[in-house]
Amino acid sequence: MRRAITAGRLRHRAVLEAPEDAPDGAGGVLRGWRALAALSVAVEPVRVTPGERFDAREAIATHRVTCRHRADVARGMRLTSGERRLLILAVHDPDASGRFLRLDCREEA
């Protein structure tokens, strides 16, 4: 059962970051991140599943993040909080009210 979305649940701080690519001088690009805004968020763990990356086993953790509505949040951006990095996979307005956004995220190692 999901709890109702209220502003009081947004008690964690995170920084919204957008990807920023720069030439690496050898014909490729280097991916960097540019901070856009500090947000108050609620983070709920959803699932941890086993996976593999570069022939190594790892756990893939997904989270549901709620924040106040912003027009500039998009898939491919990320949220950071301390050492934690959450890549935004999907963005939607859960109750079509324009008050909050629900972000489906995957935690980056």
PDB file of N, CA and C in Angstrom:
ATOM      1  N   MET A   1       0.839  -1.181   0.000  1.00  0.00           N
ATOM      2  CA  MET A   1       0.000   0.000   0.000  1.00  0.00           C
ATOM      3  C   MET A   1       0.881   1.240   0.000  1.00  0.00           C
ATOM      4  N   ARG A   2       0.665   2.129  -0.925  1.00  0.00           N
ATOM      5  CA  ARG A   2       1.464   3.346  -1.008  1.00  0.00           C
ATOM      6  C   ARG A   2       0.869   4.425  -0.127  1.00  0.00           C
ATOM      7  N   ARG A   3       1.777   5.175   0.477  1.00  0.00           N
ATOM      8  CA  ARG A   3       1.324   6.310   1.286  1.00  0.00           C
ATOM      9  C   ARG A   3       1.007   7.482   0.375  1.00  0.00           C
ATOM     10  N   ALA A   4       0.119   8.347   0.852  1.00  0.00           N
ATOM     11  CA  ALA A   4      -0.251   9.537   0.081  1.00  0.00           C
ATOM     12  C   ALA A   4       0.966  10.442  -0.083  1.00  0.00           C
ATOM     13  N   ILE A   5       1.014  11.133  -1.192  1.00  0.00           N
ATOM     14  CA  ILE A   5       2.106  12.067  -1.445  1.00  0.00           C
ATOM     15  C   ILE A   5       1.804  13.362  -0.702  1.00  0.00           C
ATOM     16  N   THR A   6       2.710  13.733   0.188  1.00  0.00           N
ATOM     17  CA  THR A   6       2.592  15.001   0.909  1.00  0.00           C
ATOM     18  C   THR A   6       3.964  15.656   0.944  1.00  0.00           C
ATOM     19  N   ALA A   7       3.968  16.975   1.047  1.00  0.00           N
ATOM     20  CA  ALA A   7       5.230  17.713   1.084  1.00  0.00           C
ATOM     21  C   ALA A   7       6.070  17.326   2.300  1.00  0.00           C
ATOM     22  N   GLY A   8       5.451  16.897   3.389  1.00  0.00           N
ATOM     23  CA  GLY A   8       6.180  16.514   4.589  1.00  0.00           C
ATOM     24  C   GLY A   8       7.066  15.301   4.414  1.00  0.00           C
ATOM     25  N   ARG A   9       6.786  14.473   3.418  1.00  0.00           N
ATOM     26  CA  ARG A   9       7.618  13.295   3.161  1.00  0.00           C
ATOM     27  C   ARG A   9       8.902  13.647   2.420  1.00  0.00           C
ATOM     28  N   LEU A  10       9.006  14.842   1.874  1.00  0.00           N
ATOM     29  CA  LEU A  10      10.179  15.256   1.087  1.00  0.00           C
ATOM     30  C   LEU A  10      11.257  15.795   2.030  1.00  0.00           C
ATOM     31  N   ARG A  11      11.872  14.907   2.799  1.00  0.00           N
ATOM     32  CA  ARG A  11      12.798  15.360   3.841  1.00  0.00           C
ATOM     33  C   ARG A  11      14.269  15.055   3.573  1.00  0.00           C
ATOM     34  N   HIS A  12      14.576  14.515   2.405  1.00  0.00           N
ATOM     35  CA  HIS A  12      15.968  14.263   2.041  1.00  0.00           C
ATOM     36  C   HIS A  12      16.399  15.296   1.006  1.00  0.00           C
ATOM     37  N   ARG A  13      17.682  15.659   1.021  1.00  0.00           N
ATOM     38  CA  ARG A  13      18.209  16.623   0.058  1.00  0.00           C
ATOM     39  C   ARG A  13      18.987  15.885  -1.028  1.00  0.00           C
ATOM     40  N   ALA A  14      18.793  16.321  -2.263  1.00  0.00           N
ATOM     41  CA  ALA A  14      19.506  15.750  -3.404  1.00  0.00           C
ATOM     42  C   ALA A  14      19.761  16.858  -4.412  1.00  0.00           C
ATOM     43  N   VAL A  15      20.766  16.648  -5.242  1.00  0.00           N
ATOM     44  CA  VAL A  15      21.102  17.602  -6.298  1.00  0.00           C
ATOM     45  C   VAL A  15      20.712  16.983  -7.634  1.00  0.00           C
ATOM     46  N   LEU A  16      19.919  17.705  -8.412  1.00  0.00           N
ATOM     47  CA  LEU A  16      19.552  17.285  -9.754  1.00  0.00           C
ATOM     48  C   LEU A  16      20.688  17.668 -10.687  1.00  0.00           C
ATOM     49  N   GLU A  17      21.182  16.686 -11.460  1.00  0.00           N
ATOM     50  CA  GLU A  17      22.294  16.934 -12.375  1.00  0.00           C
ATOM     51  C   GLU A  17      21.918  16.513 -13.795  1.00  0.00           C
ATOM     52  N   ALA A  18      22.416  17.268 -14.768  1.00  0.00           N
ATOM     53  CA  ALA A  18      22.195  16.968 -16.180  1.00  0.00           C
ATOM     54  C   ALA A  18      23.512  16.525 -16.805  1.00  0.00           C
ATOM     55  N   PRO A  19      23.464  15.564 -17.735  1.00  0.00           N
ATOM     56  CA  PRO A  19      24.700  15.136 -18.393  1.00  0.00           C
ATOM     57  C   PRO A  19      25.245  16.246 -19.281  1.00  0.00           C
ATOM     58  N   GLU A  20      26.552  16.310 -19.334  1.00  0.00           N
ATOM     59  CA  GLU A  20      27.209  17.332 -20.149  1.00  0.00           C
ATOM     60  C   GLU A  20      28.413  16.675 -20.808  1.00  0.00           C
ATOM     61  N   ASP A  21      28.381  16.560 -22.136  1.00  0.00           N
ATOM     62  CA  ASP A  21      29.461  15.915 -22.871  1.00  0.00           C
ATOM     63  C   ASP A  21      30.431  16.960 -23.400  1.00  0.00           C
ATOM     64  N   ALA A  22      31.733  16.630 -23.325  1.00  0.00           N
ATOM     65  CA  ALA A  22      32.787  17.521 -23.824  1.00  0.00           C
ATOM     66  C   ALA A  22      33.736  16.687 -24.685  1.00  0.00           C
ATOM     67  N   PRO A  23      34.296  17.261 -25.752  1.00  0.00           N
ATOM     68  CA  PRO A  23      35.242  16.520 -26.588  1.00  0.00           C
ATOM     69  C   PRO A  23      36.461  16.095 -25.776  1.00  0.00           C
ATOM     70  N   ASP A  24      36.940  14.869 -26.052  1.00  0.00           N
ATOM     71  CA  ASP A  24      38.117  14.375 -25.324  1.00  0.00           C
ATOM     72  C   ASP A  24      39.424  14.600 -26.068  1.00  0.00           C
ATOM     73  N   GLY A  25      39.370  15.220 -27.259  1.00  0.00           N
ATOM     74  CA  GLY A  25      40.568  15.510 -28.033  1.00  0.00           C
ATOM     75  C   GLY A  25      40.995  14.369 -28.933  1.00  0.00           C
ATOM     76  N   ALA A  26      40.333  13.221 -28.835  1.00  0.00           N
ATOM     77  CA  ALA A  26      40.684  12.069 -29.659  1.00  0.00           C
ATOM     78  C   ALA A  26      39.486  11.601 -30.484  1.00  0.00           C
ATOM     79  N   GLY A  27      38.516  12.476 -30.683  1.00  0.00           N
ATOM     80  CA  GLY A  27      37.344  12.138 -31.479  1.00  0.00           C
ATOM     81  C   GLY A  27      36.183  11.591 -30.677  1.00  0.00           C
ATOM     82  N   GLY A  28      36.356  11.404 -29.399  1.00  0.00           N
ATOM     83  CA  GLY A  28      35.272  10.912 -28.542  1.00  0.00           C
ATOM     84  C   GLY A  28      34.775  12.012 -27.630  1.00  0.00           C
ATOM     85  N   VAL A  29      34.026  11.622 -26.638  1.00  0.00           N
ATOM     86  CA  VAL A  29      33.513  12.588 -25.674  1.00  0.00           C
ATOM     87  C   VAL A  29      33.722  12.082 -24.259  1.00  0.00           C
ATOM     88  N   LEU A  30      33.826  13.014 -23.358  1.00  0.00           N
ATOM     89  CA  LEU A  30      33.881  12.723 -21.928  1.00  0.00           C
ATOM     90  C   LEU A  30      32.570  13.174 -21.322  1.00  0.00           C
ATOM     91  N   ARG A  31      31.930  12.292 -20.563  1.00  0.00           N
ATOM     92  CA  ARG A  31      30.664  12.638 -19.924  1.00  0.00           C
ATOM     93  C   ARG A  31      30.948  13.263 -18.569  1.00  0.00           C
ATOM     94  N   GLY A  32      30.400  14.430 -18.367  1.00  0.00           N
ATOM     95  CA  GLY A  32      30.452  15.110 -17.084  1.00  0.00           C
ATOM     96  C   GLY A  32      29.028  15.404 -16.634  1.00  0.00           C
ATOM     97  N   TRP A  33      28.900  15.962 -15.447  1.00  0.00           N
ATOM     98  CA  TRP A  33      27.578  16.278 -14.903  1.00  0.00           C
ATOM     99  C   TRP A  33      27.565  17.704 -14.408  1.00  0.00           C
ATOM    100  N   ARG A  34      26.478  18.421 -14.710  1.00  0.00           N
ATOM    101  CA  ARG A  34      26.302  19.815 -14.308  1.00  0.00           C
ATOM    102  C   ARG A  34      25.140  19.890 -13.323  1.00  0.00           C
ATOM    103  N   ALA A  35      25.390  20.465 -12.157  1.00  0.00           N
ATOM    104  CA  ALA A  35      24.342  20.615 -11.145  1.00  0.00           C
ATOM    105  C   ALA A  35      23.328  21.648 -11.619  1.00  0.00           C
ATOM    106  N   LEU A  36      22.030  21.302 -11.508  1.00  0.00           N
ATOM    107  CA  LEU A  36      20.964  22.203 -11.915  1.00  0.00           C
ATOM    108  C   LEU A  36      20.232  22.814 -10.735  1.00  0.00           C
ATOM    109  N   ALA A  37      19.935  21.988  -9.719  1.00  0.00           N
ATOM    110  CA  ALA A  37      19.128  22.483  -8.601  1.00  0.00           C
ATOM    111  C   ALA A  37      19.251  21.537  -7.407  1.00  0.00           C
ATOM    112  N   ALA A  38      19.066  22.108  -6.217  1.00  0.00           N
ATOM    113  CA  ALA A  38      18.950  21.300  -5.002  1.00  0.00           C
ATOM    114  C   ALA A  38      17.466  21.025  -4.777  1.00  0.00           C
ATOM    115  N   LEU A  39      17.135  19.767  -4.495  1.00  0.00           N
ATOM    116  CA  LEU A  39      15.743  19.367  -4.338  1.00  0.00           C
ATOM    117  C   LEU A  39      15.513  18.699  -2.988  1.00  0.00           C
ATOM    118  N   SER A  40      14.298  18.797  -2.502  1.00  0.00           N
ATOM    119  CA  SER A  40      13.846  18.001  -1.370  1.00  0.00           C
ATOM    120  C   SER A  40      13.109  16.809  -1.962  1.00  0.00           C
ATOM    121  N   VAL A  41      13.486  15.600  -1.533  1.00  0.00           N
ATOM    122  CA  VAL A  41      12.933  14.390  -2.131  1.00  0.00           C
ATOM    123  C   VAL A  41      12.560  13.366  -1.068  1.00  0.00           C
ATOM    124  N   ALA A  42      11.728  12.428  -1.465  1.00  0.00           N
ATOM    125  CA  ALA A  42      11.445  11.214  -0.691  1.00  0.00           C
ATOM    126  C   ALA A  42      11.983  10.057  -1.527  1.00  0.00           C
ATOM    127  N   VAL A  43      12.762   9.168  -0.905  1.00  0.00           N
ATOM    128  CA  VAL A  43      13.355   8.032  -1.615  1.00  0.00           C
ATOM    129  C   VAL A  43      12.810   6.742  -1.009  1.00  0.00           C
ATOM    130  N   GLU A  44      12.214   5.916  -1.867  1.00  0.00           N
ATOM    131  CA  GLU A  44      11.681   4.623  -1.429  1.00  0.00           C
ATOM    132  C   GLU A  44      12.380   3.513  -2.215  1.00  0.00           C
ATOM    133  N   PRO A  45      13.015   2.568  -1.531  1.00  0.00           N
ATOM    134  CA  PRO A  45      13.591   1.437  -2.263  1.00  0.00           C
ATOM    135  C   PRO A  45      12.473   0.594  -2.875  1.00  0.00           C
ATOM    136  N   VAL A  46      12.711   0.112  -4.089  1.00  0.00           N
ATOM    137  CA  VAL A  46      11.708  -0.694  -4.772  1.00  0.00           C
ATOM    138  C   VAL A  46      12.145  -2.151  -4.838  1.00  0.00           C
ATOM    139  N   ARG A  47      13.362  -2.386  -5.352  1.00  0.00           N
ATOM    140  CA  ARG A  47      13.789  -3.762  -5.573  1.00  0.00           C
ATOM    141  C   ARG A  47      15.310  -3.816  -5.696  1.00  0.00           C
ATOM    142  N   VAL A  48      15.858  -4.944  -5.293  1.00  0.00           N
ATOM    143  CA  VAL A  48      17.260  -5.251  -5.529  1.00  0.00           C
ATOM    144  C   VAL A  48      17.291  -6.587  -6.249  1.00  0.00           C
ATOM    145  N   THR A  49      17.905  -6.593  -7.438  1.00  0.00           N
ATOM    146  CA  THR A  49      17.975  -7.822  -8.220  1.00  0.00           C
ATOM    147  C   THR A  49      19.428  -8.134  -8.546  1.00  0.00           C
ATOM    148  N   PRO A  50      19.761  -9.406  -8.646  1.00  0.00           N
ATOM    149  CA  PRO A  50      21.131  -9.755  -9.020  1.00  0.00           C
ATOM    150  C   PRO A  50      21.365  -9.454 -10.493  1.00  0.00           C
ATOM    151  N   GLY A  51      22.583  -9.078 -10.816  1.00  0.00           N
ATOM    152  CA  GLY A  51      22.933  -8.796 -12.195  1.00  0.00           C
ATOM    153  C   GLY A  51      24.414  -9.007 -12.410  1.00  0.00           C
ATOM    154  N   GLU A  52      24.849  -8.787 -13.641  1.00  0.00           N
ATOM    155  CA  GLU A  52      26.268  -8.891 -13.964  1.00  0.00           C
ATOM    156  C   GLU A  52      26.689  -7.675 -14.759  1.00  0.00           C
ATOM    157  N   ARG A  53      27.910  -7.260 -14.512  1.00  0.00           N
ATOM    158  CA  ARG A  53      28.479  -6.118 -15.229  1.00  0.00           C
ATOM    159  C   ARG A  53      29.954  -6.388 -15.398  1.00  0.00           C
ATOM    160  N   PHE A  54      30.415  -6.421 -16.637  1.00  0.00           N
ATOM    161  CA  PHE A  54      31.820  -6.702 -16.936  1.00  0.00           C
ATOM    162  C   PHE A  54      32.257  -8.008 -16.280  1.00  0.00           C
ATOM    163  N   ASP A  55      31.447  -9.044 -16.418  1.00  0.00           N
ATOM    164  CA  ASP A  55      31.717 -10.377 -15.876  1.00  0.00           C
ATOM    165  C   ASP A  55      31.843 -10.412 -14.360  1.00  0.00           C
ATOM    166  N   ALA A  56      31.340  -9.412 -13.681  1.00  0.00           N
ATOM    167  CA  ALA A  56      31.336  -9.399 -12.212  1.00  0.00           C
ATOM    168  C   ALA A  56      29.888  -9.344 -11.745  1.00  0.00           C
ATOM    169  N   ARG A  57      29.606 -10.036 -10.674  1.00  0.00           N
ATOM    170  CA  ARG A  57      28.257 -10.005 -10.122  1.00  0.00           C
ATOM    171  C   ARG A  57      28.051  -8.728  -9.328  1.00  0.00           C
ATOM    172  N   GLU A  58      26.834  -8.201  -9.425  1.00  0.00           N
ATOM    173  CA  GLU A  58      26.498  -7.008  -8.671  1.00  0.00           C
ATOM    174  C   GLU A  58      25.007  -7.012  -8.369  1.00  0.00           C
ATOM    175  N   ALA A  59      24.607  -6.211  -7.432  1.00  0.00           N
ATOM    176  CA  ALA A  59      23.195  -6.038  -7.116  1.00  0.00           C
ATOM    177  C   ALA A  59      22.710  -4.767  -7.808  1.00  0.00           C
ATOM    178  N   ILE A  60      21.565  -4.842  -8.456  1.00  0.00           N
ATOM    179  CA  ILE A  60      20.978  -3.679  -9.118  1.00  0.00           C
ATOM    180  C   ILE A  60      19.828  -3.197  -8.249  1.00  0.00           C
ATOM    181  N   ALA A  61      19.987  -2.009  -7.687  1.00  0.00           N
ATOM    182  CA  ALA A  61      18.970  -1.448  -6.788  1.00  0.00           C
ATOM    183  C   ALA A  61      18.169  -0.389  -7.524  1.00  0.00           C
ATOM    184  N   THR A  62      16.843  -0.487  -7.415  1.00  0.00           N
ATOM    185  CA  THR A  62      15.980   0.527  -8.004  1.00  0.00           C
ATOM    186  C   THR A  62      15.216   1.233  -6.888  1.00  0.00           C
ATOM    187  N   HIS A  63      14.881   2.490  -7.151  1.00  0.00           N
ATOM    188  CA  HIS A  63      14.219   3.330  -6.160  1.00  0.00           C
ATOM    189  C   HIS A  63      13.124   4.140  -6.828  1.00  0.00           C
ATOM    190  N   ARG A  64      12.136   4.539  -6.032  1.00  0.00           N
ATOM    191  CA  ARG A  64      11.095   5.459  -6.460  1.00  0.00           C
ATOM    192  C   ARG A  64      11.340   6.755  -5.698  1.00  0.00           C
ATOM    193  N   VAL A  65      11.578   7.834  -6.420  1.00  0.00           N
ATOM    194  CA  VAL A  65      11.876   9.128  -5.806  1.00  0.00           C
ATOM    195  C   VAL A  65      10.730  10.081  -6.120  1.00  0.00           C
ATOM    196  N   THR A  66      10.279  10.796  -5.101  1.00  0.00           N
ATOM    197  CA  THR A  66       9.229  11.795  -5.281  1.00  0.00           C
ATOM    198  C   THR A  66       9.812  13.167  -4.998  1.00  0.00           C
ATOM    199  N   CYS A  67       9.491  14.134  -5.846  1.00  0.00           N
ATOM    200  CA  CYS A  67       9.929  15.522  -5.645  1.00  0.00           C
ATOM    201  C   CYS A  67       8.800  16.444  -6.102  1.00  0.00           C
ATOM    202  N   ARG A  68       8.936  17.719  -5.786  1.00  0.00           N
ATOM    203  CA  ARG A  68       7.975  18.694  -6.292  1.00  0.00           C
ATOM    204  C   ARG A  68       8.119  18.782  -7.813  1.00  0.00           C
ATOM    205  N   HIS A  69       7.023  19.098  -8.474  1.00  0.00           N
ATOM    206  CA  HIS A  69       7.011  19.145  -9.937  1.00  0.00           C
ATOM    207  C   HIS A  69       7.987  20.192 -10.458  1.00  0.00           C
ATOM    208  N   ARG A  70       8.740  19.795 -11.469  1.00  0.00           N
ATOM    209  CA  ARG A  70       9.656  20.689 -12.194  1.00  0.00           C
ATOM    210  C   ARG A  70       9.550  20.334 -13.666  1.00  0.00           C
ATOM    211  N   ALA A  71       9.532  21.336 -14.514  1.00  0.00           N
ATOM    212  CA  ALA A  71       9.410  21.085 -15.951  1.00  0.00           C
ATOM    213  C   ALA A  71      10.714  20.602 -16.575  1.00  0.00           C
ATOM    214  N   ASP A  72      11.851  20.801 -15.895  1.00  0.00           N
ATOM    215  CA  ASP A  72      13.143  20.481 -16.502  1.00  0.00           C
ATOM    216  C   ASP A  72      13.700  19.115 -16.114  1.00  0.00           C
ATOM    217  N   VAL A  73      12.956  18.273 -15.431  1.00  0.00           N
ATOM    218  CA  VAL A  73      13.436  16.941 -15.063  1.00  0.00           C
ATOM    219  C   VAL A  73      13.162  15.988 -16.216  1.00  0.00           C
ATOM    220  N   ALA A  74      14.192  15.215 -16.621  1.00  0.00           N
ATOM    221  CA  ALA A  74      14.042  14.315 -17.765  1.00  0.00           C
ATOM    222  C   ALA A  74      14.807  13.015 -17.536  1.00  0.00           C
ATOM    223  N   ARG A  75      14.397  12.011 -18.285  1.00  0.00           N
ATOM    224  CA  ARG A  75      15.092  10.730 -18.284  1.00  0.00           C
ATOM    225  C   ARG A  75      16.547  10.969 -18.680  1.00  0.00           C
ATOM    226  N   GLY A  76      17.485  10.273 -18.042  1.00  0.00           N
ATOM    227  CA  GLY A  76      18.903  10.420 -18.356  1.00  0.00           C
ATOM    228  C   GLY A  76      19.624  11.365 -17.415  1.00  0.00           C
ATOM    229  N   MET A  77      18.882  12.175 -16.667  1.00  0.00           N
ATOM    230  CA  MET A  77      19.497  13.008 -15.633  1.00  0.00           C
ATOM    231  C   MET A  77      19.751  12.122 -14.416  1.00  0.00           C
ATOM    232  N   ARG A  78      20.349  12.682 -13.372  1.00  0.00           N
ATOM    233  CA  ARG A  78      20.551  11.910 -12.155  1.00  0.00           C
ATOM    234  C   ARG A  78      20.401  12.790 -10.924  1.00  0.00           C
ATOM    235  N   LEU A  79      20.208  12.123  -9.801  1.00  0.00           N
ATOM    236  CA  LEU A  79      20.162  12.769  -8.495  1.00  0.00           C
ATOM    237  C   LEU A  79      21.362  12.298  -7.705  1.00  0.00           C
ATOM    238  N   THR A  80      22.006  13.217  -6.994  1.00  0.00           N
ATOM    239  CA  THR A  80      23.111  12.835  -6.126  1.00  0.00           C
ATOM    240  C   THR A  80      22.818  13.291  -4.710  1.00  0.00           C
ATOM    241  N   SER A  81      23.231  12.457  -3.780  1.00  0.00           N
ATOM    242  CA  SER A  81      23.102  12.781  -2.361  1.00  0.00           C
ATOM    243  C   SER A  81      24.295  12.144  -1.673  1.00  0.00           C
ATOM    244  N   GLY A  82      25.274  12.970  -1.318  1.00  0.00           N
ATOM    245  CA  GLY A  82      26.519  12.423  -0.773  1.00  0.00           C
ATOM    246  C   GLY A  82      27.201  11.591  -1.837  1.00  0.00           C
ATOM    247  N   GLU A  83      27.536  10.350  -1.510  1.00  0.00           N
ATOM    248  CA  GLU A  83      28.176   9.443  -2.470  1.00  0.00           C
ATOM    249  C   GLU A  83      27.163   8.677  -3.318  1.00  0.00           C
ATOM    250  N   ARG A  84      25.901   8.833  -3.042  1.00  0.00           N
ATOM    251  CA  ARG A  84      24.846   8.095  -3.728  1.00  0.00           C
ATOM    252  C   ARG A  84      24.481   8.761  -5.049  1.00  0.00           C
ATOM    253  N   ARG A  85      24.354   7.960  -6.117  1.00  0.00           N
ATOM    254  CA  ARG A  85      23.988   8.447  -7.446  1.00  0.00           C
ATOM    255  C   ARG A  85      22.782   7.653  -7.941  1.00  0.00           C
ATOM    256  N   LEU A  86      21.706   8.357  -8.279  1.00  0.00           N
ATOM    257  CA  LEU A  86      20.493   7.710  -8.772  1.00  0.00           C
ATOM    258  C   LEU A  86      20.205   8.196 -10.187  1.00  0.00           C
ATOM    259  N   LEU A  87      20.337   7.307 -11.158  1.00  0.00           N
ATOM    260  CA  LEU A  87      20.079   7.626 -12.562  1.00  0.00           C
ATOM    261  C   LEU A  87      18.573   7.589 -12.811  1.00  0.00           C
ATOM    262  N   ILE A  88      18.034   8.641 -13.408  1.00  0.00           N
ATOM    263  CA  ILE A  88      16.595   8.734 -13.658  1.00  0.00           C
ATOM    264  C   ILE A  88      16.250   7.961 -14.930  1.00  0.00           C
ATOM    265  N   LEU A  89      15.391   6.932 -14.770  1.00  0.00           N
ATOM    266  CA  LEU A  89      14.971   6.085 -15.886  1.00  0.00           C
ATOM    267  C   LEU A  89      13.626   6.502 -16.462  1.00  0.00           C
ATOM    268  N   ALA A  90      12.742   7.040 -15.622  1.00  0.00           N
ATOM    269  CA  ALA A  90      11.407   7.457 -16.073  1.00  0.00           C
ATOM    270  C   ALA A  90      10.904   8.570 -15.160  1.00  0.00           C
ATOM    271  N   VAL A  91      10.107   9.467 -15.730  1.00  0.00           N
ATOM    272  CA  VAL A  91       9.536  10.603 -14.998  1.00  0.00           C
ATOM    273  C   VAL A  91       8.044  10.633 -15.280  1.00  0.00           C
ATOM    274  N   HIS A  92       7.228  10.717 -14.226  1.00  0.00           N
ATOM    275  CA  HIS A  92       5.790  10.853 -14.447  1.00  0.00           C
ATOM    276  C   HIS A  92       5.119  11.571 -13.282  1.00  0.00           C
ATOM    277  N   ASP A  93       3.971  12.148 -13.586  1.00  0.00           N
ATOM    278  CA  ASP A  93       3.138  12.838 -12.598  1.00  0.00           C
ATOM    279  C   ASP A  93       2.155  11.795 -12.067  1.00  0.00           C
ATOM    280  N   PRO A  94       2.324  11.338 -10.826  1.00  0.00           N
ATOM    281  CA  PRO A  94       1.550  10.185 -10.352  1.00  0.00           C
ATOM    282  C   PRO A  94       0.050  10.406 -10.231  1.00  0.00           C
ATOM    283  N   ASP A  95      -0.391  11.624  -9.982  1.00  0.00           N
ATOM    284  CA  ASP A  95      -1.830  11.860  -9.830  1.00  0.00           C
ATOM    285  C   ASP A  95      -2.353  12.937 -10.778  1.00  0.00           C
ATOM    286  N   ALA A  96      -1.553  13.312 -11.773  1.00  0.00           N
ATOM    287  CA  ALA A  96      -1.927  14.300 -12.795  1.00  0.00           C
ATOM    288  C   ALA A  96      -2.341  15.638 -12.202  1.00  0.00           C
ATOM    289  N   SER A  97      -1.778  15.969 -11.034  1.00  0.00           N
ATOM    290  CA  SER A  97      -2.135  17.231 -10.383  1.00  0.00           C
ATOM    291  C   SER A  97      -1.141  18.356 -10.684  1.00  0.00           C
ATOM    292  N   GLY A  98       0.045  17.997 -11.207  1.00  0.00           N
ATOM    293  CA  GLY A  98       1.067  19.005 -11.451  1.00  0.00           C
ATOM    294  C   GLY A  98       1.777  19.452 -10.189  1.00  0.00           C
ATOM    295  N   ARG A  99       1.564  18.741  -9.073  1.00  0.00           N
ATOM    296  CA  ARG A  99       2.206  19.115  -7.809  1.00  0.00           C
ATOM    297  C   ARG A  99       3.511  18.355  -7.565  1.00  0.00           C
ATOM    298  N   PHE A 100       3.544  17.070  -7.924  1.00  0.00           N
ATOM    299  CA  PHE A 100       4.698  16.228  -7.645  1.00  0.00           C
ATOM    300  C   PHE A 100       5.108  15.453  -8.888  1.00  0.00           C
ATOM    301  N   LEU A 101       6.361  14.976  -8.880  1.00  0.00           N
ATOM    302  CA  LEU A 101       6.854  14.055  -9.898  1.00  0.00           C
ATOM    303  C   LEU A 101       7.299  12.787  -9.207  1.00  0.00           C
ATOM    304  N   ARG A 102       7.102  11.662  -9.863  1.00  0.00           N
ATOM    305  CA  ARG A 102       7.640  10.401  -9.393  1.00  0.00           C
ATOM    306  C   ARG A 102       8.714   9.997 -10.381  1.00  0.00           C
ATOM    307  N   LEU A 103       9.919   9.720  -9.870  1.00  0.00           N
ATOM    308  CA  LEU A 103      11.059   9.368 -10.686  1.00  0.00           C
ATOM    309  C   LEU A 103      11.431   7.918 -10.412  1.00  0.00           C
ATOM    310  N   ASP A 104      11.467   7.093 -11.439  1.00  0.00           N
ATOM    311  CA  ASP A 104      11.942   5.732 -11.297  1.00  0.00           C
ATOM    312  C   ASP A 104      13.441   5.778 -11.555  1.00  0.00           C
ATOM    313  N   CYS A 105      14.234   5.311 -10.590  1.00  0.00           N
ATOM    314  CA  CYS A 105      15.684   5.464 -10.647  1.00  0.00           C
ATOM    315  C   CYS A 105      16.412   4.146 -10.414  1.00  0.00           C
ATOM    316  N   ARG A 106      17.635   4.072 -10.936  1.00  0.00           N
ATOM    317  CA  ARG A 106      18.541   2.951 -10.684  1.00  0.00           C
ATOM    318  C   ARG A 106      19.784   3.521 -10.005  1.00  0.00           C
ATOM    319  N   GLU A 107      20.189   2.886  -8.928  1.00  0.00           N
ATOM    320  CA  GLU A 107      21.374   3.353  -8.206  1.00  0.00           C
ATOM    321  C   GLU A 107      22.621   2.957  -8.974  1.00  0.00           C
ATOM    322  N   GLU A 108      23.508   3.920  -9.177  1.00  0.00           N
ATOM    323  CA  GLU A 108      24.772   3.661  -9.884  1.00  0.00           C
ATOM    324  C   GLU A 108      25.834   3.284  -8.869  1.00  0.00           C
ATOM    325  N   ALA A 109      26.687   2.334  -9.275  1.00  0.00           N
ATOM    326  CA  ALA A 109      27.768   1.892  -8.380  1.00  0.00           C
ATOM    327  C   ALA A 109      28.871   2.926  -8.327  1.00  0.00           C
TER     328      ALA A 109
END
